[in-house]
Every structure is written in C-alpha cells, then in structure tokens.
N, C-alpha and C. Protein backbone atom coordinates (compact mmCIF):
# COMPACT_ATOMS: atom_id res chain seq x y z
N MET A 1 3.43 -15.17 1.84
CA MET A 1 3.63 -14.00 2.50
C MET A 1 2.47 -13.82 3.48
N SER A 2 2.80 -13.30 4.23
CA SER A 2 1.87 -12.88 5.60
C SER A 2 1.27 -11.65 6.01
N ARG A 3 0.43 -11.28 6.73
CA ARG A 3 -0.01 -9.98 6.85
C ARG A 3 1.41 -9.27 7.91
N ASP A 4 2.18 -10.42 8.67
CA ASP A 4 3.16 -9.77 9.45
C ASP A 4 4.09 -9.24 8.47
N SER A 5 4.25 -9.98 7.57
CA SER A 5 5.31 -9.80 6.59
C SER A 5 5.48 -8.45 5.97
N VAL A 6 3.71 -8.22 5.70
CA VAL A 6 3.61 -6.89 4.89
C VAL A 6 3.76 -6.01 5.79
N ASN A 7 3.54 -5.90 6.95
CA ASN A 7 3.39 -5.21 8.32
C ASN A 7 5.10 -4.76 8.39
N ARG A 8 5.93 -6.02 8.42
CA ARG A 8 7.45 -5.46 8.75
C ARG A 8 8.15 -4.79 7.43
N ILE A 9 7.76 -4.99 6.18
CA ILE A 9 7.91 -4.19 5.12
C ILE A 9 7.67 -2.70 4.91
N CYS A 10 6.32 -2.51 5.66
CA CYS A 10 6.07 -1.04 5.70
C CYS A 10 6.50 -0.33 6.71
N ALA A 11 6.81 -1.37 8.39
CA ALA A 11 7.09 -0.66 9.24
C ALA A 11 8.79 -0.12 8.98
N ALA A 12 9.44 -0.62 7.86
CA ALA A 12 10.75 -0.53 7.70
C ALA A 12 11.15 0.74 6.92
N LEU A 13 9.91 1.08 6.44
CA LEU A 13 9.98 2.22 5.47
C LEU A 13 10.29 3.48 6.57
N PRO A 14 11.01 4.85 5.93
CA PRO A 14 11.03 5.68 6.84
C PRO A 14 9.95 6.60 6.74
N GLY A 15 9.58 6.82 8.43
CA GLY A 15 8.63 7.98 8.63
C GLY A 15 7.33 7.35 8.77
N THR A 16 7.21 5.92 8.30
CA THR A 16 5.80 5.32 8.60
C THR A 16 4.99 5.28 9.98
N GLU A 17 3.50 5.37 9.76
CA GLU A 17 2.92 5.16 10.65
C GLU A 17 1.75 4.20 10.61
N HIS A 18 1.48 3.26 11.52
CA HIS A 18 0.22 2.15 11.77
C HIS A 18 -0.94 2.74 12.43
N SER A 19 -1.97 2.45 11.76
CA SER A 19 -3.46 2.75 12.52
C SER A 19 -4.24 1.74 11.82
N ASP A 20 -5.35 1.68 12.57
CA ASP A 20 -6.90 0.82 12.26
C ASP A 20 -7.80 1.76 12.30
N PRO A 21 -7.94 2.77 11.31
CA PRO A 21 -8.61 3.67 11.35
C PRO A 21 -10.51 3.40 11.34
N TRP A 22 -10.67 2.51 10.84
CA TRP A 22 -12.07 1.92 10.60
C TRP A 22 -12.37 0.92 11.60
N GLY A 23 -11.36 0.65 12.66
CA GLY A 23 -11.81 -0.53 13.54
C GLY A 23 -11.80 -1.80 12.69
N GLY A 24 -11.79 -2.80 13.47
CA GLY A 24 -12.45 -4.18 13.10
C GLY A 24 -10.82 -4.92 12.41
N GLY A 25 -9.65 -4.64 12.77
CA GLY A 25 -8.54 -5.27 12.28
C GLY A 25 -7.94 -4.85 10.82
N HIS A 26 -7.99 -3.67 10.42
CA HIS A 26 -7.57 -3.04 9.33
C HIS A 26 -5.63 -2.85 9.84
N ASP A 27 -4.95 -2.96 8.81
CA ASP A 27 -3.60 -2.60 9.16
C ASP A 27 -3.23 -1.71 7.96
N CYS A 28 -3.55 -0.04 8.39
CA CYS A 28 -3.36 0.99 7.57
C CYS A 28 -1.88 1.42 7.77
N TRP A 29 -1.20 1.94 6.70
CA TRP A 29 0.07 2.25 6.84
C TRP A 29 0.10 3.56 6.17
N LYS A 30 0.64 4.63 7.04
CA LYS A 30 0.28 5.93 6.06
C LYS A 30 2.17 6.79 6.28
N VAL A 31 2.26 7.43 5.28
CA VAL A 31 3.43 8.26 5.42
C VAL A 31 3.18 9.97 5.43
N GLY A 32 3.39 10.77 6.31
CA GLY A 32 3.09 12.13 6.44
C GLY A 32 1.56 12.21 6.49
N GLY A 33 0.74 11.56 6.96
CA GLY A 33 -0.37 11.30 7.10
C GLY A 33 -1.34 10.90 6.09
N LYS A 34 -0.68 10.47 4.98
CA LYS A 34 -1.15 9.85 3.70
C LYS A 34 -1.04 8.35 3.54
N MET A 35 -2.32 7.46 3.35
CA MET A 35 -2.03 6.06 3.26
C MET A 35 -1.31 5.60 1.98
N PHE A 36 -0.26 4.55 2.15
CA PHE A 36 0.14 4.24 1.19
C PHE A 36 -0.16 2.51 1.13
N ALA A 37 -0.45 1.98 2.19
CA ALA A 37 -0.67 0.47 2.19
C ALA A 37 -2.07 0.12 3.33
N VAL A 38 -2.96 -0.82 2.67
CA VAL A 38 -3.55 -1.32 3.70
C VAL A 38 -4.28 -2.61 3.62
N THR A 39 -4.27 -3.44 4.45
CA THR A 39 -4.57 -4.79 4.84
C THR A 39 -6.41 -4.69 5.10
N GLY A 40 -7.11 -5.59 4.82
CA GLY A 40 -8.58 -5.48 5.09
C GLY A 40 -8.49 -6.41 6.21
N ALA A 41 -9.70 -6.25 6.93
CA ALA A 41 -10.21 -6.91 8.03
C ALA A 41 -10.45 -8.70 7.65
N VAL A 42 -10.79 -8.69 6.75
CA VAL A 42 -11.38 -9.88 6.37
C VAL A 42 -10.82 -10.74 5.17
N ASN A 43 -9.86 -10.14 4.19
CA ASN A 43 -9.51 -10.38 2.95
C ASN A 43 -7.85 -10.95 3.23
N ASP A 44 -7.43 -11.69 2.46
CA ASP A 44 -6.00 -11.83 2.30
C ASP A 44 -5.40 -10.80 1.31
N SER A 45 -5.39 -9.61 1.18
CA SER A 45 -4.73 -9.01 0.16
C SER A 45 -4.26 -7.80 0.90
N VAL A 46 -3.12 -6.87 0.13
CA VAL A 46 -2.99 -5.84 0.69
C VAL A 46 -2.97 -4.56 -0.55
N SER A 47 -3.94 -3.59 -0.35
CA SER A 47 -4.04 -2.54 -1.25
C SER A 47 -2.93 -1.43 -1.41
N VAL A 48 -2.45 -1.06 -2.71
CA VAL A 48 -1.35 -0.17 -2.92
C VAL A 48 -1.80 0.90 -3.69
N LYS A 49 -1.24 2.07 -3.70
CA LYS A 49 -1.56 2.94 -4.91
C LYS A 49 -0.47 2.73 -5.92
N THR A 50 -0.96 2.94 -7.04
CA THR A 50 -0.05 2.58 -8.84
C THR A 50 0.23 4.21 -8.67
N ASP A 51 0.99 3.95 -9.93
CA ASP A 51 1.38 5.59 -10.69
C ASP A 51 -0.19 6.12 -11.16
N ASP A 52 -0.65 5.49 -12.13
CA ASP A 52 -2.10 5.79 -12.24
C ASP A 52 -3.11 4.83 -12.81
N VAL A 53 -4.44 5.08 -13.08
CA VAL A 53 -5.19 4.19 -13.59
C VAL A 53 -4.59 3.16 -14.28
N GLU A 54 -4.23 3.76 -15.89
CA GLU A 54 -3.42 2.66 -16.57
C GLU A 54 -2.97 1.40 -15.81
N THR A 55 -1.90 1.86 -14.75
CA THR A 55 -0.99 0.48 -14.15
C THR A 55 -2.03 -0.28 -13.45
N ALA A 56 -2.62 0.18 -12.73
CA ALA A 56 -3.82 -0.27 -12.18
C ALA A 56 -4.72 -1.18 -12.94
N GLU A 57 -5.02 -0.89 -13.97
CA GLU A 57 -5.51 -1.91 -15.10
C GLU A 57 -4.79 -2.49 -15.77
N MET A 58 -3.62 -2.47 -16.05
CA MET A 58 -2.40 -3.28 -16.68
C MET A 58 -2.38 -4.45 -15.35
N LEU A 59 -1.90 -4.36 -14.18
CA LEU A 59 -1.66 -5.41 -13.26
C LEU A 59 -3.07 -5.97 -13.24
N ILE A 60 -4.02 -5.65 -13.00
CA ILE A 60 -5.56 -6.38 -13.16
C ILE A 60 -5.59 -7.00 -14.37
N GLU A 61 -5.37 -6.45 -15.10
CA GLU A 61 -5.57 -7.19 -16.67
C GLU A 61 -4.40 -8.58 -16.89
N ALA A 62 -3.70 -8.56 -16.16
CA ALA A 62 -2.49 -9.78 -16.21
C ALA A 62 -2.98 -10.57 -15.07
N GLY A 63 -3.52 -10.27 -14.20
CA GLY A 63 -3.83 -11.13 -13.11
C GLY A 63 -3.12 -11.24 -11.88
N VAL A 64 -2.31 -10.27 -11.68
CA VAL A 64 -1.63 -9.75 -10.78
C VAL A 64 -2.05 -9.13 -9.42
N ALA A 65 -3.31 -8.56 -9.46
CA ALA A 65 -4.04 -7.85 -8.75
C ALA A 65 -5.60 -7.61 -9.18
N GLU A 66 -6.20 -7.32 -8.30
CA GLU A 66 -7.77 -6.92 -8.53
C GLU A 66 -7.98 -5.64 -8.04
N PRO A 67 -8.91 -4.96 -8.52
CA PRO A 67 -9.37 -3.61 -7.99
C PRO A 67 -9.76 -3.40 -6.86
N ALA A 68 -9.10 -2.48 -5.76
CA ALA A 68 -9.10 -2.33 -4.50
C ALA A 68 -10.43 -1.82 -4.05
N ARG A 69 -11.06 -2.64 -3.60
CA ARG A 69 -12.45 -2.03 -3.08
C ARG A 69 -12.23 -0.78 -2.12
N TYR A 70 -13.08 0.23 -2.58
CA TYR A 70 -13.49 1.16 -2.05
C TYR A 70 -12.57 2.31 -1.99
N LEU A 71 -11.50 2.20 -3.04
CA LEU A 71 -10.47 2.97 -3.15
C LEU A 71 -10.49 3.46 -4.38
N HIS A 72 -9.61 4.41 -4.95
CA HIS A 72 -9.82 4.96 -6.12
C HIS A 72 -9.22 4.00 -7.21
N ARG A 73 -9.58 3.95 -8.54
CA ARG A 73 -8.95 3.48 -9.44
C ARG A 73 -7.45 3.00 -9.83
N SER A 74 -6.55 3.94 -9.30
CA SER A 74 -5.37 3.90 -9.03
C SER A 74 -4.84 2.91 -8.05
N TRP A 75 -5.78 2.30 -7.12
CA TRP A 75 -5.52 1.45 -6.33
C TRP A 75 -5.69 0.13 -6.60
N VAL A 76 -4.71 -0.94 -6.42
CA VAL A 76 -5.32 -2.04 -6.33
C VAL A 76 -4.53 -3.01 -5.17
N ALA A 77 -5.53 -4.42 -5.44
CA ALA A 77 -5.42 -5.02 -4.13
C ALA A 77 -4.56 -6.61 -4.77
N LEU A 78 -3.33 -6.83 -3.84
CA LEU A 78 -2.60 -7.94 -4.11
C LEU A 78 -2.81 -8.94 -3.39
N PRO A 79 -3.15 -10.19 -3.77
CA PRO A 79 -3.03 -11.20 -2.61
C PRO A 79 -1.86 -11.15 -1.85
N LEU A 80 -2.05 -11.62 -0.54
CA LEU A 80 -1.02 -12.11 -0.10
C LEU A 80 -0.14 -13.07 -0.52
N ASP A 81 -0.64 -14.35 -1.15
CA ASP A 81 0.34 -15.31 -1.68
C ASP A 81 0.83 -15.05 -2.94
N SER A 82 1.43 -13.93 -3.35
CA SER A 82 1.75 -13.19 -4.36
C SER A 82 3.09 -13.39 -4.02
N PRO A 83 3.98 -13.45 -5.04
CA PRO A 83 5.47 -13.43 -4.53
C PRO A 83 5.88 -12.60 -3.62
N GLU A 84 6.89 -12.92 -3.04
CA GLU A 84 7.29 -11.61 -2.01
C GLU A 84 8.21 -10.32 -2.70
N ASP A 85 8.70 -10.85 -3.54
CA ASP A 85 9.39 -9.77 -4.55
C ASP A 85 8.59 -8.94 -5.10
N GLU A 86 7.58 -9.49 -5.49
CA GLU A 86 6.54 -8.44 -6.14
C GLU A 86 5.43 -7.60 -5.14
N LEU A 87 5.18 -8.35 -4.01
CA LEU A 87 4.83 -7.51 -2.93
C LEU A 87 5.53 -6.30 -2.40
N ARG A 88 6.56 -6.91 -1.99
CA ARG A 88 7.53 -5.64 -1.34
C ARG A 88 7.83 -4.43 -2.63
N HIS A 89 8.01 -5.05 -3.98
CA HIS A 89 8.01 -3.98 -4.89
C HIS A 89 6.99 -3.03 -4.71
N ARG A 90 5.83 -3.29 -4.93
CA ARG A 90 4.50 -2.67 -4.97
C ARG A 90 4.21 -1.82 -3.71
N ILE A 91 4.48 -2.63 -2.62
CA ILE A 91 4.43 -1.53 -1.32
C ILE A 91 5.73 -0.30 -1.10
N GLU A 92 6.85 -0.67 -2.00
CA GLU A 92 7.80 0.21 -2.09
C GLU A 92 7.40 1.50 -2.81
N ALA A 93 6.95 1.01 -4.08
CA ALA A 93 6.47 1.88 -5.04
C ALA A 93 5.38 2.58 -4.75
N SER A 94 4.33 2.50 -3.92
CA SER A 94 3.27 2.98 -3.26
C SER A 94 3.74 3.98 -2.31
N TYR A 95 4.68 3.63 -1.54
CA TYR A 95 5.21 4.52 -0.59
C TYR A 95 5.94 5.75 -1.19
N ARG A 96 6.78 5.24 -2.30
CA ARG A 96 7.20 6.52 -3.33
C ARG A 96 6.36 7.04 -3.76
N ILE A 97 5.60 6.92 -4.16
CA ILE A 97 4.28 7.53 -4.94
C ILE A 97 4.08 8.63 -4.21
N ILE A 98 3.06 8.17 -2.54
CA ILE A 98 2.77 9.18 -1.74
C ILE A 98 3.94 9.93 -1.33
N TYR A 99 4.99 9.42 -0.75
CA TYR A 99 5.95 10.60 -0.40
C TYR A 99 6.35 11.40 -1.17
N ASN A 100 6.51 11.12 -2.38
CA ASN A 100 7.11 12.17 -3.39
C ASN A 100 5.72 13.64 -3.65
N ASN A 101 4.62 13.00 -3.34
CA ASN A 101 3.56 13.98 -3.39
C ASN A 101 3.22 14.77 -2.25
N LEU A 102 3.84 14.34 -1.08
CA LEU A 102 3.79 15.22 -0.12
C LEU A 102 4.74 16.78 -0.35
N PRO A 103 3.87 17.62 0.48
CA PRO A 103 4.95 18.86 0.35
C PRO A 103 6.03 18.89 1.01
N LYS A 104 6.98 19.39 0.46
CA LYS A 104 8.49 19.33 0.69
C LYS A 104 8.79 19.77 2.17
N LYS A 105 8.14 20.39 2.89
CA LYS A 105 8.35 20.61 4.79
C LYS A 105 7.97 19.39 5.21
N ILE A 106 6.81 18.36 4.74
CA ILE A 106 6.75 17.47 5.29
C ILE A 106 7.43 16.11 4.70
N GLN A 107 8.00 16.06 3.65
CA GLN A 107 9.22 15.26 3.52
C GLN A 107 10.60 15.46 4.09
N GLY A 108 10.89 16.76 4.35
CA GLY A 108 11.83 17.19 5.28
C GLY A 108 11.89 16.54 6.71
N GLY A 109 10.61 16.38 7.07
CA GLY A 109 10.73 15.91 8.33
C GLY A 109 10.61 14.44 8.58
N ILE A 110 10.32 13.91 7.49
CA ILE A 110 10.50 12.35 7.80
C ILE A 110 12.07 11.65 7.90
N GLU A 111 12.12 10.90 8.56
CA GLU A 111 13.48 10.38 8.84
C GLU A 111 13.54 8.76 8.63
C-alpha cells in the first residue's frame, strides 16, 4: 500500500481534514481538529491511535506495528507494506476513537 492509498482511505471518512502542521511533507489527518492518522516525512509508515496502551503493546509484540515516535504510547506506527485490510481497519478504528471522544456538538457538525 502506498501513502496515496492511506490518504484516499483517510479522505473518504466523514469530516476529515488534511494538513502538514510540522512542514517537511507529513500527511496529518484530523477529524474535529484532532489527529487520527499521520504519515511521517521520511518513513514508510502510518501512525494511528489504538483503544489503549495495552492494545498498542499487543500490536507491537505481535510484530504488526512499532511504537509511534513522538506520540503517546497508545499510538502505533504500521508499515505501509502491511496488508491493506489491516491498514484500513486500523485507520478507521483510530478515526472512530477520536470521533467518539469529540464533544457531541462537534460530532453533530460532521458530515
């Protein structure tokens, strides 16, 4: 899977916004102003939020993911050459985690 494929998955989710907040070629995806996925400027991975630290540790121990650099321990980095269904699942799960934690007023404004 490529960065373009990750960007297509993210762009298809309701109310998403794309930016490069740190400059240098990052693809940062947000919903309601909160980040749910980011690809780095120099590595071939996408970082996503998991339900909790234990889930992140399980994915890391299973060899599915690595710790996401510079992010909370509940975030993991998945290689872009991971199976497409795994990447899609983890990106969509991250989106749902972030979306579900947004205030109801903001959720209501997302189409």
